[in-house]
Amino acid sequence: MTRAPRRTAKASLVRRVTDVLDAFASAGGDLGVTEIARGTRCSKSVVHRILVALVEAGYVAADPVTRRYRLGARALELARAGSAADDLRRRALPHLRAIRDRTGETATLSILRGQARVYAEQLEGRHAVKQTVEVGAEAPLHLGASGKAILAFLPADARPAAARAIEADLERIRKRGYAASVGERIPGAASVAAPVFDRDGVVGSISAAGVAARSDARTTARYGAVVAAEARALSRELGWRATVARA
C-alpha cells in the first residue's frame, strides 16, 4: 500500500516531462520558460527543473544568450529513428504478405535495437494452430531464428558477448543466408528468418514463424528460400548492395 503514492508521483512527473517535450513539437521552434509554463500549466520552477534535466540528457538544447530552449540532438535522433522504422515497416508489408501466402505461416518483421531486437509487425498465419508474436516486444539476438539472422551479420565488435558461444551457428547462417530454430526461445515454436539490410548494414530480419509439429528439413529449406528471397528484395528497396551483406 505504501508504494502506490510513489508510483503516482512518478507517473505525474513523466507526464510533466512529456508535456514539456510536446510543447516544443507544437511550437515548431524555440521556447522560453514562461511560454512552456503557460502551455503546460506547470510552475516556472518545475519547468526549469525539467529543462535542466532534459538539457543534461541531450533532449533539449539551451541558448545561453537568449535563455530560450529548443529540441536537442537526442530528440532529433529519436524522431529520425521512428521515421526510419515506419518506413521499414511500410516497405516490409508486401514481403511479409508474400511470405504468409507462400508458407501459410505467420510472417514477422524484427528491427534491430541496440543489442536486441523488437517485433515491429506481423501478419498472422492461416493455420488453426499458429505462432503469433507481440508487436513491440523485445527479444535477445542470440536466441531464435529472427535474432540470429541479425546477429550473424553484425560487425564482430557490435555483437553481444553471448554471440561467442554460437559462432559456428552464425557462420552457417552467413553461408546459407537464413537462420532456422525450433523451440530455442519459445517451446513448440519453429521459425525461419533472413536478414534485412539497408545501405549501412543489417537493420532487422523477416521470418516465417510456425510450430515445431510442422517443421522438418524439407520444410525448413523451402521456407528458407522464400524468406531469403523476400529479404533480399526488401533490402534492395532499402538501398542495400551485396557487398555489405558480409559481417
C-alpha atoms as a PDB file:
ATOM      1  CA  MET A   1       0.000   0.000   0.000  1.00  0.00           C
ATOM      2  CA  THR A   2       2.824   2.434   0.742  1.00  0.00           C
ATOM      3  CA  ARG A   3       4.213   2.126  -2.794  1.00  0.00           C
ATOM      4  CA  ALA A   4       1.118   3.319  -4.667  1.00  0.00           C
ATOM      5  CA  PRO A   5       1.638   7.065  -3.974  1.00  0.00           C
ATOM      6  CA  ARG A   6       5.235   6.839  -5.197  1.00  0.00           C
ATOM      7  CA  ARG A   7       4.106   5.248  -8.452  1.00  0.00           C
ATOM      8  CA  THR A   8       1.513   8.005  -8.853  1.00  0.00           C
ATOM      9  CA  ALA A   9       4.161  10.676  -8.268  1.00  0.00           C
ATOM     10  CA  LYS A  10       6.441   9.085 -10.846  1.00  0.00           C
ATOM     11  CA  ALA A  11       3.632   8.915 -13.383  1.00  0.00           C
ATOM     12  CA  SER A  12       2.855  12.575 -12.745  1.00  0.00           C
ATOM     13  CA  LEU A  13       6.498  13.535 -13.272  1.00  0.00           C
ATOM     14  CA  VAL A  14       6.698  11.559 -16.508  1.00  0.00           C
ATOM     15  CA  ARG A  15       3.544  13.301 -17.713  1.00  0.00           C
ATOM     16  CA  ARG A  16       5.048  16.707 -16.961  1.00  0.00           C
ATOM     17  CA  VAL A  17       8.227  15.826 -18.854  1.00  0.00           C
ATOM     18  CA  THR A  18       6.258  14.650 -21.893  1.00  0.00           C
ATOM     19  CA  ASP A  19       4.103  17.793 -21.694  1.00  0.00           C
ATOM     20  CA  VAL A  20       7.259  19.903 -21.891  1.00  0.00           C
ATOM     21  CA  LEU A  21       8.530  17.949 -24.891  1.00  0.00           C
ATOM     22  CA  ASP A  22       5.104  18.173 -26.540  1.00  0.00           C
ATOM     23  CA  ALA A  23       5.254  21.954 -26.141  1.00  0.00           C
ATOM     24  CA  PHE A  24       8.276  22.046 -28.468  1.00  0.00           C
ATOM     25  CA  ALA A  25       6.522  19.830 -31.007  1.00  0.00           C
ATOM     26  CA  SER A  26       3.511  22.162 -31.031  1.00  0.00           C
ATOM     27  CA  ALA A  27       5.575  25.335 -31.220  1.00  0.00           C
ATOM     28  CA  GLY A  28       7.857  24.209 -34.022  1.00  0.00           C
ATOM     29  CA  GLY A  29      10.657  26.412 -32.700  1.00  0.00           C
ATOM     30  CA  ASP A  30      12.416  27.636 -29.576  1.00  0.00           C
ATOM     31  CA  LEU A  31      10.602  28.455 -26.347  1.00  0.00           C
ATOM     32  CA  GLY A  32      11.197  30.273 -23.097  1.00  0.00           C
ATOM     33  CA  VAL A  33      10.390  29.022 -19.617  1.00  0.00           C
ATOM     34  CA  THR A  34       7.376  31.323 -19.301  1.00  0.00           C
ATOM     35  CA  GLU A  35       5.857  30.110 -22.562  1.00  0.00           C
ATOM     36  CA  ILE A  36       6.304  26.475 -21.601  1.00  0.00           C
ATOM     37  CA  ALA A  37       4.866  27.046 -18.131  1.00  0.00           C
ATOM     38  CA  ARG A  38       1.838  28.748 -19.617  1.00  0.00           C
ATOM     39  CA  GLY A  39       1.252  25.975 -22.148  1.00  0.00           C
ATOM     40  CA  THR A  40       1.753  23.102 -19.723  1.00  0.00           C
ATOM     41  CA  ARG A  41       0.091  24.712 -16.670  1.00  0.00           C
ATOM     42  CA  CYS A  42       3.206  23.924 -14.617  1.00  0.00           C
ATOM     43  CA  SER A  43       5.030  26.414 -12.421  1.00  0.00           C
ATOM     44  CA  LYS A  44       8.132  28.079 -13.810  1.00  0.00           C
ATOM     45  CA  SER A  45      10.280  26.364 -11.194  1.00  0.00           C
ATOM     46  CA  VAL A  46       9.013  22.916 -12.190  1.00  0.00           C
ATOM     47  CA  VAL A  47       9.520  23.667 -15.896  1.00  0.00           C
ATOM     48  CA  HIS A  48      13.033  24.941 -15.209  1.00  0.00           C
ATOM     49  CA  ARG A  49      13.993  21.780 -13.287  1.00  0.00           C
ATOM     50  CA  ILE A  50      12.641  19.597 -16.102  1.00  0.00           C
ATOM     51  CA  LEU A  51      14.512  21.626 -18.724  1.00  0.00           C
ATOM     52  CA  VAL A  52      17.786  21.333 -16.808  1.00  0.00           C
ATOM     53  CA  ALA A  53      17.415  17.541 -16.736  1.00  0.00           C
ATOM     54  CA  LEU A  54      16.477  17.395 -20.417  1.00  0.00           C
ATOM     55  CA  VAL A  55      19.446  19.564 -21.375  1.00  0.00           C
ATOM     56  CA  GLU A  56      21.800  17.281 -19.433  1.00  0.00           C
ATOM     57  CA  ALA A  57      20.326  14.249 -21.241  1.00  0.00           C
ATOM     58  CA  GLY A  58      20.612  15.888 -24.660  1.00  0.00           C
ATOM     59  CA  TYR A  59      16.888  16.009 -25.404  1.00  0.00           C
ATOM     60  CA  VAL A  60      16.773  19.817 -25.179  1.00  0.00           C
ATOM     61  CA  ALA A  61      19.403  22.444 -26.026  1.00  0.00           C
ATOM     62  CA  ALA A  62      19.706  25.841 -24.326  1.00  0.00           C
ATOM     63  CA  ASP A  63      20.800  29.127 -25.865  1.00  0.00           C
ATOM     64  CA  PRO A  64      22.977  30.838 -23.206  1.00  0.00           C
ATOM     65  CA  VAL A  65      22.374  34.291 -24.716  1.00  0.00           C
ATOM     66  CA  THR A  66      18.600  34.315 -25.244  1.00  0.00           C
ATOM     67  CA  ARG A  67      17.896  31.778 -22.460  1.00  0.00           C
ATOM     68  CA  ARG A  68      15.499  30.021 -24.775  1.00  0.00           C
ATOM     69  CA  TYR A  69      15.309  26.312 -25.457  1.00  0.00           C
ATOM     70  CA  ARG A  70      14.903  24.066 -28.460  1.00  0.00           C
ATOM     71  CA  LEU A  71      14.819  20.317 -29.105  1.00  0.00           C
ATOM     72  CA  GLY A  72      18.266  18.763 -28.779  1.00  0.00           C
ATOM     73  CA  ALA A  73      20.208  16.232 -30.794  1.00  0.00           C
ATOM     74  CA  ARG A  74      18.902  13.225 -28.861  1.00  0.00           C
ATOM     75  CA  ALA A  75      15.261  14.133 -29.522  1.00  0.00           C
ATOM     76  CA  LEU A  76      16.006  14.598 -33.214  1.00  0.00           C
ATOM     77  CA  GLU A  77      17.776  11.235 -33.323  1.00  0.00           C
ATOM     78  CA  LEU A  78      14.693   9.561 -31.870  1.00  0.00           C
ATOM     79  CA  ALA A  79      12.481  11.278 -34.422  1.00  0.00           C
ATOM     80  CA  ARG A  80      14.687  10.060 -37.262  1.00  0.00           C
ATOM     81  CA  ALA A  81      14.766   6.544 -35.828  1.00  0.00           C
ATOM     82  CA  GLY A  82      10.988   6.483 -35.595  1.00  0.00           C
ATOM     83  CA  SER A  83      10.639   7.700 -39.154  1.00  0.00           C
ATOM     84  CA  ALA A  84      13.092   5.056 -40.390  1.00  0.00           C
ATOM     85  CA  ALA A  85      11.241   2.301 -38.505  1.00  0.00           C
ATOM     86  CA  ASP A  86       7.907   3.413 -40.006  1.00  0.00           C
ATOM     87  CA  ASP A  87       9.431   3.382 -43.488  1.00  0.00           C
ATOM     88  CA  LEU A  88      10.888  -0.097 -42.962  1.00  0.00           C
ATOM     89  CA  ARG A  89       7.565  -1.416 -41.696  1.00  0.00           C
ATOM     90  CA  ARG A  90       5.695   0.065 -44.674  1.00  0.00           C
ATOM     91  CA  ARG A  91       8.150  -1.360 -47.182  1.00  0.00           C
ATOM     92  CA  ALA A  92       8.185  -4.753 -45.455  1.00  0.00           C
ATOM     93  CA  LEU A  93       4.427  -5.343 -45.549  1.00  0.00           C
ATOM     94  CA  PRO A  94       4.220  -6.649 -49.167  1.00  0.00           C
ATOM     95  CA  HIS A  95       7.096  -9.025 -48.465  1.00  0.00           C
ATOM     96  CA  LEU A  96       5.503 -10.248 -45.247  1.00  0.00           C
ATOM     97  CA  ARG A  97       2.311 -10.843 -47.176  1.00  0.00           C
ATOM     98  CA  ALA A  98       4.207 -12.896 -49.748  1.00  0.00           C
ATOM     99  CA  ILE A  99       5.827 -14.980 -47.004  1.00  0.00           C
ATOM    100  CA  ARG A 100       2.496 -15.585 -45.272  1.00  0.00           C
ATOM    101  CA  ASP A 101       0.762 -16.505 -48.522  1.00  0.00           C
ATOM    102  CA  ARG A 102       3.515 -18.842 -49.757  1.00  0.00           C
ATOM    103  CA  THR A 103       4.136 -20.640 -46.458  1.00  0.00           C
ATOM    104  CA  GLY A 104       0.833 -20.327 -44.617  1.00  0.00           C
ATOM    105  CA  GLU A 105       2.798 -19.347 -41.511  1.00  0.00           C
ATOM    106  CA  THR A 106       2.852 -16.105 -39.544  1.00  0.00           C
ATOM    107  CA  ALA A 107       5.215 -13.582 -41.134  1.00  0.00           C
ATOM    108  CA  THR A 108       7.097 -11.213 -38.839  1.00  0.00           C
ATOM    109  CA  LEU A 109       9.373  -8.205 -39.059  1.00  0.00           C
ATOM    110  CA  SER A 110      12.003  -7.604 -36.376  1.00  0.00           C
ATOM    111  CA  ILE A 111      14.055  -4.408 -36.115  1.00  0.00           C
ATOM    112  CA  LEU A 112      17.494  -4.178 -34.548  1.00  0.00           C
ATOM    113  CA  ARG A 113      17.520  -2.027 -31.409  1.00  0.00           C
ATOM    114  CA  GLY A 114      20.832  -1.767 -29.610  1.00  0.00           C
ATOM    115  CA  GLN A 115      21.904  -5.319 -28.808  1.00  0.00           C
ATOM    116  CA  ALA A 116      18.379  -6.715 -29.004  1.00  0.00           C
ATOM    117  CA  ARG A 117      15.532  -6.807 -31.492  1.00  0.00           C
ATOM    118  CA  VAL A 118      11.927  -5.622 -31.414  1.00  0.00           C
ATOM    119  CA  TYR A 119       8.948  -7.125 -33.215  1.00  0.00           C
ATOM    120  CA  ALA A 120       7.697  -4.339 -35.481  1.00  0.00           C
ATOM    121  CA  GLU A 121       4.984  -6.124 -37.490  1.00  0.00           C
ATOM    122  CA  GLN A 122       3.299  -9.470 -38.094  1.00  0.00           C
ATOM    123  CA  LEU A 123       0.767 -10.978 -40.456  1.00  0.00           C
ATOM    124  CA  GLU A 124      -0.841 -13.969 -38.772  1.00  0.00           C
ATOM    125  CA  GLY A 125      -0.677 -17.353 -40.484  1.00  0.00           C
ATOM    126  CA  ARG A 126      -3.578 -19.257 -41.971  1.00  0.00           C
ATOM    127  CA  HIS A 127      -3.257 -22.445 -39.883  1.00  0.00           C
ATOM    128  CA  ALA A 128      -5.607 -23.162 -36.987  1.00  0.00           C
ATOM    129  CA  VAL A 129      -2.548 -23.760 -34.794  1.00  0.00           C
ATOM    130  CA  LYS A 130      -0.081 -20.962 -35.384  1.00  0.00           C
ATOM    131  CA  GLN A 131       2.597 -18.845 -33.800  1.00  0.00           C
ATOM    132  CA  THR A 132       1.872 -15.200 -33.023  1.00  0.00           C
ATOM    133  CA  VAL A 133       4.130 -12.520 -31.568  1.00  0.00           C
ATOM    134  CA  GLU A 134       3.601  -9.391 -29.507  1.00  0.00           C
ATOM    135  CA  VAL A 135       4.346  -6.378 -31.681  1.00  0.00           C
ATOM    136  CA  GLY A 136       6.591  -4.050 -29.696  1.00  0.00           C
ATOM    137  CA  ALA A 137       8.064  -6.835 -27.581  1.00  0.00           C
ATOM    138  CA  GLU A 138      11.843  -7.036 -27.265  1.00  0.00           C
ATOM    139  CA  ALA A 139      13.822 -10.272 -27.669  1.00  0.00           C
ATOM    140  CA  PRO A 140      17.525 -11.196 -27.460  1.00  0.00           C
ATOM    141  CA  LEU A 141      19.602 -11.652 -30.590  1.00  0.00           C
ATOM    142  CA  HIS A 142      21.246 -14.952 -29.629  1.00  0.00           C
ATOM    143  CA  LEU A 143      18.022 -16.984 -29.286  1.00  0.00           C
ATOM    144  CA  GLY A 144      15.648 -17.804 -32.136  1.00  0.00           C
ATOM    145  CA  ALA A 145      15.924 -17.502 -35.896  1.00  0.00           C
ATOM    146  CA  SER A 146      14.875 -13.840 -36.134  1.00  0.00           C
ATOM    147  CA  GLY A 147      17.565 -12.751 -33.707  1.00  0.00           C
ATOM    148  CA  LYS A 148      20.322 -14.942 -35.103  1.00  0.00           C
ATOM    149  CA  ALA A 149      19.614 -13.783 -38.652  1.00  0.00           C
ATOM    150  CA  ILE A 150      20.503 -10.274 -37.468  1.00  0.00           C
ATOM    151  CA  LEU A 151      23.330 -11.302 -35.156  1.00  0.00           C
ATOM    152  CA  ALA A 152      25.190 -13.251 -37.844  1.00  0.00           C
ATOM    153  CA  PHE A 153      25.677 -10.123 -39.941  1.00  0.00           C
ATOM    154  CA  LEU A 154      26.567  -7.618 -37.248  1.00  0.00           C
ATOM    155  CA  PRO A 155      30.202  -6.481 -37.092  1.00  0.00           C
ATOM    156  CA  ALA A 156      32.102  -8.549 -34.541  1.00  0.00           C
ATOM    157  CA  ASP A 157      32.610  -5.579 -32.215  1.00  0.00           C
ATOM    158  CA  ALA A 158      28.865  -4.863 -32.160  1.00  0.00           C
ATOM    159  CA  ARG A 159      27.779  -8.359 -31.111  1.00  0.00           C
ATOM    160  CA  PRO A 160      26.782  -9.139 -27.513  1.00  0.00           C
ATOM    161  CA  ALA A 161      29.026 -11.445 -25.500  1.00  0.00           C
ATOM    162  CA  ALA A 162      26.545 -14.329 -25.891  1.00  0.00           C
ATOM    163  CA  ALA A 163      27.394 -14.485 -29.603  1.00  0.00           C
ATOM    164  CA  ARG A 164      30.786 -16.046 -28.921  1.00  0.00           C
ATOM    165  CA  ALA A 165      29.189 -19.317 -27.809  1.00  0.00           C
ATOM    166  CA  ILE A 166      27.245 -19.732 -31.067  1.00  0.00           C
ATOM    167  CA  GLU A 167      29.815 -18.578 -33.632  1.00  0.00           C
ATOM    168  CA  ALA A 168      29.686 -21.886 -35.550  1.00  0.00           C
ATOM    169  CA  ASP A 169      25.919 -21.498 -35.921  1.00  0.00           C
ATOM    170  CA  LEU A 170      26.318 -17.894 -37.050  1.00  0.00           C
ATOM    171  CA  GLU A 171      28.829 -18.948 -39.713  1.00  0.00           C
ATOM    172  CA  ARG A 172      26.325 -21.480 -41.091  1.00  0.00           C
ATOM    173  CA  ILE A 173      23.711 -18.723 -41.242  1.00  0.00           C
ATOM    174  CA  ARG A 174      26.076 -16.461 -43.160  1.00  0.00           C
ATOM    175  CA  LYS A 175      26.792 -19.227 -45.668  1.00  0.00           C
ATOM    176  CA  ARG A 176      23.189 -20.197 -46.426  1.00  0.00           C
ATOM    177  CA  GLY A 177      21.619 -16.751 -45.988  1.00  0.00           C
ATOM    178  CA  TYR A 178      18.944 -17.610 -43.425  1.00  0.00           C
ATOM    179  CA  ALA A 179      18.565 -18.863 -39.855  1.00  0.00           C
ATOM    180  CA  ALA A 180      16.316 -21.640 -38.535  1.00  0.00           C
ATOM    181  CA  SER A 181      15.312 -22.571 -35.000  1.00  0.00           C
ATOM    182  CA  VAL A 182      12.992 -24.982 -33.224  1.00  0.00           C
ATOM    183  CA  GLY A 183      11.989 -24.298 -29.636  1.00  0.00           C
ATOM    184  CA  GLU A 184      15.002 -22.130 -28.845  1.00  0.00           C
ATOM    185  CA  ARG A 185      13.134 -19.209 -27.348  1.00  0.00           C
ATOM    186  CA  ILE A 186       9.532 -20.444 -27.217  1.00  0.00           C
ATOM    187  CA  PRO A 187       8.790 -24.155 -26.599  1.00  0.00           C
ATOM    188  CA  GLY A 188       6.945 -25.690 -29.543  1.00  0.00           C
ATOM    189  CA  ALA A 189       7.739 -22.825 -31.913  1.00  0.00           C
ATOM    190  CA  ALA A 190       9.714 -23.072 -35.141  1.00  0.00           C
ATOM    191  CA  SER A 191      10.951 -20.206 -37.305  1.00  0.00           C
ATOM    192  CA  VAL A 192      12.976 -19.462 -40.404  1.00  0.00           C
ATOM    193  CA  ALA A 193      14.342 -15.913 -40.773  1.00  0.00           C
ATOM    194  CA  ALA A 194      16.589 -13.924 -43.094  1.00  0.00           C
ATOM    195  CA  PRO A 195      18.434 -10.641 -42.514  1.00  0.00           C
ATOM    196  CA  VAL A 196      17.291  -7.297 -43.872  1.00  0.00           C
ATOM    197  CA  PHE A 197      19.932  -4.714 -44.858  1.00  0.00           C
ATOM    198  CA  ASP A 198      19.988  -1.081 -45.794  1.00  0.00           C
ATOM    199  CA  ARG A 199      22.941   0.743 -47.340  1.00  0.00           C
ATOM    200  CA  ASP A 200      24.785   0.764 -44.000  1.00  0.00           C
ATOM    201  CA  GLY A 201      24.330  -2.863 -42.918  1.00  0.00           C
ATOM    202  CA  VAL A 202      21.864  -5.171 -41.195  1.00  0.00           C
ATOM    203  CA  VAL A 203      18.782  -3.443 -39.735  1.00  0.00           C
ATOM    204  CA  GLY A 204      16.437  -6.317 -38.955  1.00  0.00           C
ATOM    205  CA  SER A 205      15.004  -9.607 -40.170  1.00  0.00           C
ATOM    206  CA  ILE A 206      11.830 -11.106 -41.593  1.00  0.00           C
ATOM    207  CA  SER A 207      10.589 -14.580 -40.783  1.00  0.00           C
ATOM    208  CA  ALA A 208       8.108 -17.373 -41.338  1.00  0.00           C
ATOM    209  CA  ALA A 209       7.100 -18.306 -37.794  1.00  0.00           C
ATOM    210  CA  GLY A 210       5.256 -21.570 -37.247  1.00  0.00           C
ATOM    211  CA  VAL A 211       5.140 -24.548 -34.899  1.00  0.00           C
ATOM    212  CA  ALA A 212       7.561 -27.412 -34.369  1.00  0.00           C
ATOM    213  CA  ALA A 213       4.962 -30.014 -35.399  1.00  0.00           C
ATOM    214  CA  ARG A 214       5.090 -28.698 -38.987  1.00  0.00           C
ATOM    215  CA  SER A 215       8.871 -28.322 -39.102  1.00  0.00           C
ATOM    216  CA  ASP A 216      11.234 -30.724 -40.882  1.00  0.00           C
ATOM    217  CA  ALA A 217      14.364 -30.386 -43.022  1.00  0.00           C
ATOM    218  CA  ARG A 218      12.466 -30.115 -46.316  1.00  0.00           C
ATOM    219  CA  THR A 219      10.047 -27.510 -44.977  1.00  0.00           C
ATOM    220  CA  THR A 220      12.882 -25.510 -43.436  1.00  0.00           C
ATOM    221  CA  ALA A 221      14.759 -25.434 -46.751  1.00  0.00           C
ATOM    222  CA  ARG A 222      11.637 -24.376 -48.658  1.00  0.00           C
ATOM    223  CA  TYR A 223      10.716 -21.662 -46.190  1.00  0.00           C
ATOM    224  CA  GLY A 224      14.331 -20.542 -46.048  1.00  0.00           C
ATOM    225  CA  ALA A 225      14.379 -19.974 -49.804  1.00  0.00           C
ATOM    226  CA  VAL A 226      11.126 -17.988 -49.665  1.00  0.00           C
ATOM    227  CA  VAL A 227      12.154 -15.818 -46.722  1.00  0.00           C
ATOM    228  CA  ALA A 228      15.675 -15.189 -48.057  1.00  0.00           C
ATOM    229  CA  ALA A 229      14.328 -14.108 -51.451  1.00  0.00           C
ATOM    230  CA  GLU A 230      11.863 -11.665 -49.882  1.00  0.00           C
ATOM    231  CA  ALA A 231      14.548 -10.331 -47.537  1.00  0.00           C
ATOM    232  CA  ARG A 232      16.879  -9.679 -50.471  1.00  0.00           C
ATOM    233  CA  ALA A 233      14.141  -7.874 -52.375  1.00  0.00           C
ATOM    234  CA  LEU A 234      13.283  -5.718 -49.359  1.00  0.00           C
ATOM    235  CA  SER A 235      16.962  -4.977 -48.737  1.00  0.00           C
ATOM    236  CA  ARG A 236      17.419  -3.766 -52.314  1.00  0.00           C
ATOM    237  CA  GLU A 237      14.500  -1.372 -51.799  1.00  0.00           C
ATOM    238  CA  LEU A 238      16.332  -0.010 -48.753  1.00  0.00           C
ATOM    239  CA  GLY A 239      19.497   0.718 -50.742  1.00  0.00           C
ATOM    240  CA  TRP A 240      21.403  -2.489 -49.958  1.00  0.00           C
ATOM    241  CA  ARG A 241      24.111  -3.767 -52.233  1.00  0.00           C
ATOM    242  CA  ALA A 242      25.523  -7.278 -51.931  1.00  0.00           C
ATOM    243  CA  THR A 243      28.928  -6.012 -50.798  1.00  0.00           C
ATOM    244  CA  VAL A 244      27.529  -5.064 -47.347  1.00  0.00           C
ATOM    245  CA  ALA A 245      25.943  -8.442 -46.667  1.00  0.00           C
ATOM    246  CA  ARG A 246      29.033  -9.977 -45.102  1.00  0.00           C
ATOM    247  CA  ALA A 247      29.873  -9.366 -41.473  1.00  0.00           C
END
